[in-house]
PDB file of N, CA and C in Angstrom:
ATOM      1  N   MET A   1       0.766  -1.173   0.140  1.00  0.00           N
ATOM      2  CA  MET A   1      -0.044  -0.021   0.044  1.00  0.00           C
ATOM      3  C   MET A   1       0.922   1.096   0.002  1.00  0.00           C
ATOM      4  N   GLY A   2       2.229   0.923   0.075  1.00  0.00           N
ATOM      5  CA  GLY A   2       2.936   2.200   0.093  1.00  0.00           C
ATOM      6  C   GLY A   2       3.133   2.743  -1.459  1.00  0.00           C
ATOM      7  N   ALA A   3       2.832   2.133  -2.598  1.00  0.00           N
ATOM      8  CA  ALA A   3       3.476   2.737  -3.867  1.00  0.00           C
ATOM      9  C   ALA A   3       2.315   3.759  -4.028  1.00  0.00           C
ATOM     10  N   THR A   4       3.118   4.866  -4.689  1.00  0.00           N
ATOM     11  CA  THR A   4       2.398   6.208  -5.017  1.00  0.00           C
ATOM     12  C   THR A   4       2.737   6.540  -6.706  1.00  0.00           C
ATOM     13  N   ASN A   5       1.951   7.363  -7.163  1.00  0.00           N
ATOM     14  CA  ASN A   5       2.182   7.549  -8.193  1.00  0.00           C
ATOM     15  C   ASN A   5       2.870   8.846  -8.575  1.00  0.00           C
ATOM     16  N   ASP A   6       4.316   8.803  -8.974  1.00  0.00           N
ATOM     17  CA  ASP A   6       5.189   9.905  -8.746  1.00  0.00           C
ATOM     18  C   ASP A   6       5.388  10.543 -10.056  1.00  0.00           C
ATOM     19  N   SER A   7       4.429  10.226 -11.086  1.00  0.00           N
ATOM     20  CA  SER A   7       4.813  10.783 -12.456  1.00  0.00           C
ATOM     21  C   SER A   7       4.194  12.306 -12.564  1.00  0.00           C
ATOM     22  N   THR A   8       4.879  12.842 -13.401  1.00  0.00           N
ATOM     23  CA  THR A   8       4.476  14.375 -13.580  1.00  0.00           C
ATOM     24  C   THR A   8       4.671  14.927 -14.923  1.00  0.00           C
ATOM     25  N   PHE A   9       3.640  15.886 -15.342  1.00  0.00           N
ATOM     26  CA  PHE A   9       3.920  16.272 -16.591  1.00  0.00           C
ATOM     27  C   PHE A   9       3.580  17.640 -16.779  1.00  0.00           C
ATOM     28  N   SER A  10       4.304  18.479 -17.467  1.00  0.00           N
ATOM     29  CA  SER A  10       4.123  19.993 -17.365  1.00  0.00           C
ATOM     30  C   SER A  10       3.155  20.553 -18.172  1.00  0.00           C
ATOM     31  N   HIS A  11       2.847  19.592 -19.557  1.00  0.00           N
ATOM     32  CA  HIS A  11       2.099  20.123 -20.627  1.00  0.00           C
ATOM     33  C   HIS A  11       1.592  19.126 -21.261  1.00  0.00           C
ATOM     34  N   PHE A  12       0.880  19.191 -22.356  1.00  0.00           N
ATOM     35  CA  PHE A  12       0.387  18.270 -23.010  1.00  0.00           C
ATOM     36  C   PHE A  12       0.114  18.698 -24.649  1.00  0.00           C
ATOM     37  N   ILE A  13       0.157  17.956 -25.512  1.00  0.00           N
ATOM     38  CA  ILE A  13       0.255  18.277 -26.794  1.00  0.00           C
ATOM     39  C   ILE A  13      -1.323  17.917 -27.316  1.00  0.00           C
ATOM     40  N   LEU A  14      -1.807  18.987 -27.984  1.00  0.00           N
ATOM     41  CA  LEU A  14      -3.297  18.756 -28.402  1.00  0.00           C
ATOM     42  C   LEU A  14      -2.945  18.647 -30.128  1.00  0.00           C
ATOM     43  N   ILE A  15      -3.236  17.544 -30.596  1.00  0.00           N
ATOM     44  CA  ILE A  15      -2.926  17.216 -31.761  1.00  0.00           C
ATOM     45  C   ILE A  15      -4.337  17.320 -32.918  1.00  0.00           C
ATOM     46  N   GLY A  16      -4.335  17.978 -33.846  1.00  0.00           N
ATOM     47  CA  GLY A  16      -5.616  17.923 -34.676  1.00  0.00           C
ATOM     48  C   GLY A  16      -5.151  17.584 -36.030  1.00  0.00           C
ATOM     49  N   PHE A  17      -6.119  18.208 -36.902  1.00  0.00           N
ATOM     50  CA  PHE A  17      -6.152  18.165 -38.382  1.00  0.00           C
ATOM     51  C   PHE A  17      -5.336  19.224 -38.718  1.00  0.00           C
ATOM     52  N   SER A  18      -4.264  19.588 -38.353  1.00  0.00           N
ATOM     53  CA  SER A  18      -3.655  20.632 -38.731  1.00  0.00           C
ATOM     54  C   SER A  18      -2.976  20.644 -40.363  1.00  0.00           C
ATOM     55  N   ASP A  19      -2.726  19.520 -40.837  1.00  0.00           N
ATOM     56  CA  ASP A  19      -2.204  19.499 -42.217  1.00  0.00           C
ATOM     57  C   ASP A  19      -3.610  19.206 -43.178  1.00  0.00           C
ATOM     58  N   ARG A  20      -4.871  19.192 -42.630  1.00  0.00           N
ATOM     59  CA  ARG A  20      -6.042  19.194 -43.468  1.00  0.00           C
ATOM     60  C   ARG A  20      -7.132  20.412 -42.768  1.00  0.00           C
ATOM     61  N   PRO A  21      -6.686  21.595 -43.149  1.00  0.00           N
ATOM     62  CA  PRO A  21      -7.860  22.534 -42.297  1.00  0.00           C
ATOM     63  C   PRO A  21      -9.063  22.444 -43.233  1.00  0.00           C
ATOM     64  N   GLU A  22      -9.568  22.088 -43.964  1.00  0.00           N
ATOM     65  CA  GLU A  22     -10.632  22.118 -44.554  1.00  0.00           C
ATOM     66  C   GLU A  22     -11.663  20.870 -44.057  1.00  0.00           C
ATOM     67  N   LEU A  23     -10.826  19.980 -43.475  1.00  0.00           N
ATOM     68  CA  LEU A  23     -11.519  18.968 -42.580  1.00  0.00           C
ATOM     69  C   LEU A  23     -11.819  19.337 -41.313  1.00  0.00           C
ATOM     70  N   GLU A  24     -11.249  20.042 -40.931  1.00  0.00           N
ATOM     71  CA  GLU A  24     -11.670  20.364 -39.705  1.00  0.00           C
ATOM     72  C   GLU A  24     -12.965  21.381 -39.617  1.00  0.00           C
ATOM     73  N   ARG A  25     -12.917  22.229 -40.785  1.00  0.00           N
ATOM     74  CA  ARG A  25     -14.424  22.881 -40.909  1.00  0.00           C
ATOM     75  C   ARG A  25     -15.889  22.088 -41.005  1.00  0.00           C
ATOM     76  N   VAL A  26     -15.227  20.938 -41.965  1.00  0.00           N
ATOM     77  CA  VAL A  26     -16.304  19.885 -42.279  1.00  0.00           C
ATOM     78  C   VAL A  26     -16.751  19.083 -41.003  1.00  0.00           C
ATOM     79  N   LEU A  27     -15.767  18.776 -40.229  1.00  0.00           N
ATOM     80  CA  LEU A  27     -16.243  18.117 -39.037  1.00  0.00           C
ATOM     81  C   LEU A  27     -16.783  19.031 -37.985  1.00  0.00           C
ATOM     82  N   PHE A  28     -16.384  20.187 -37.789  1.00  0.00           N
ATOM     83  CA  PHE A  28     -17.080  21.143 -36.945  1.00  0.00           C
ATOM     84  C   PHE A  28     -18.308  21.309 -37.295  1.00  0.00           C
ATOM     85  N   ALA A  29     -18.851  21.373 -38.861  1.00  0.00           N
ATOM     86  CA  ALA A  29     -19.936  21.695 -39.266  1.00  0.00           C
ATOM     87  C   ALA A  29     -21.066  20.348 -39.053  1.00  0.00           C
ATOM     88  N   ILE A  30     -20.395  19.346 -38.953  1.00  0.00           N
ATOM     89  CA  ILE A  30     -21.049  18.146 -38.504  1.00  0.00           C
ATOM     90  C   ILE A  30     -21.344  17.976 -37.128  1.00  0.00           C
ATOM     91  N   ILE A  31     -20.202  18.325 -36.324  1.00  0.00           N
ATOM     92  CA  ILE A  31     -20.363  17.825 -34.921  1.00  0.00           C
ATOM     93  C   ILE A  31     -21.207  18.850 -34.196  1.00  0.00           C
ATOM     94  N   LEU A  32     -21.025  20.195 -34.443  1.00  0.00           N
ATOM     95  CA  LEU A  32     -21.932  21.211 -33.486  1.00  0.00           C
ATOM     96  C   LEU A  32     -23.363  21.052 -33.782  1.00  0.00           C
ATOM     97  N   PRO A  33     -23.813  20.692 -34.658  1.00  0.00           N
ATOM     98  CA  PRO A  33     -25.435  20.516 -34.883  1.00  0.00           C
ATOM     99  C   PRO A  33     -25.712  19.352 -34.207  1.00  0.00           C
ATOM    100  N   ALA A  34     -24.950  18.136 -33.999  1.00  0.00           N
ATOM    101  CA  ALA A  34     -25.225  16.809 -33.411  1.00  0.00           C
ATOM    102  C   ALA A  34     -25.092  17.166 -31.734  1.00  0.00           C
ATOM    103  N   TYR A  35     -24.149  18.156 -31.546  1.00  0.00           N
ATOM    104  CA  TYR A  35     -23.670  18.350 -30.104  1.00  0.00           C
ATOM    105  C   TYR A  35     -25.096  19.232 -29.616  1.00  0.00           C
ATOM    106  N   LEU A  36     -25.376  20.045 -30.390  1.00  0.00           N
ATOM    107  CA  LEU A  36     -26.549  21.115 -30.011  1.00  0.00           C
ATOM    108  C   LEU A  36     -27.987  20.242 -29.999  1.00  0.00           C
ATOM    109  N   LEU A  37     -28.145  19.328 -30.909  1.00  0.00           N
ATOM    110  CA  LEU A  37     -29.302  18.673 -30.869  1.00  0.00           C
ATOM    111  C   LEU A  37     -29.182  17.514 -29.545  1.00  0.00           C
ATOM    112  N   THR A  38     -27.973  17.032 -29.092  1.00  0.00           N
ATOM    113  CA  THR A  38     -28.146  16.271 -27.940  1.00  0.00           C
ATOM    114  C   THR A  38     -28.301  17.102 -26.812  1.00  0.00           C
ATOM    115  N   LEU A  39     -27.934  18.343 -26.619  1.00  0.00           N
ATOM    116  CA  LEU A  39     -28.232  19.095 -25.430  1.00  0.00           C
ATOM    117  C   LEU A  39     -29.553  19.602 -25.537  1.00  0.00           C
ATOM    118  N   LEU A  40     -30.127  20.035 -26.601  1.00  0.00           N
ATOM    119  CA  LEU A  40     -31.486  20.258 -26.753  1.00  0.00           C
ATOM    120  C   LEU A  40     -32.230  18.956 -26.109  1.00  0.00           C
ATOM    121  N   GLY A  41     -32.103  17.784 -26.728  1.00  0.00           N
ATOM    122  CA  GLY A  41     -32.888  16.422 -26.210  1.00  0.00           C
ATOM    123  C   GLY A  41     -32.680  16.311 -24.731  1.00  0.00           C
ATOM    124  N   ASN A  42     -31.405  16.435 -24.248  1.00  0.00           N
ATOM    125  CA  ASN A  42     -31.249  15.950 -22.723  1.00  0.00           C
ATOM    126  C   ASN A  42     -31.889  17.174 -21.894  1.00  0.00           C
ATOM    127  N   SER A  43     -32.300  18.498 -22.564  1.00  0.00           N
ATOM    128  CA  SER A  43     -32.982  19.395 -21.919  1.00  0.00           C
ATOM    129  C   SER A  43     -34.390  19.097 -21.509  1.00  0.00           C
ATOM    130  N   THR A  44     -35.039  18.417 -22.502  1.00  0.00           N
ATOM    131  CA  THR A  44     -36.330  18.217 -22.706  1.00  0.00           C
ATOM    132  C   THR A  44     -36.669  16.964 -21.721  1.00  0.00           C
ATOM    133  N   ILE A  45     -35.774  16.274 -21.139  1.00  0.00           N
ATOM    134  CA  ILE A  45     -36.174  15.523 -20.397  1.00  0.00           C
ATOM    135  C   ILE A  45     -36.480  15.710 -18.705  1.00  0.00           C
TER     136      ILE A  45
END
């Protein structure tokens, strides 16, 4: 029981679709309405 987690990190790297910026816009246009519909559906419960 004496074991502890001594790992540390100072930052993380957010990896996106930087080499395909047009894909970012398409995914955003698809995911945002789906997310908003999910919020709307959950708020009606």
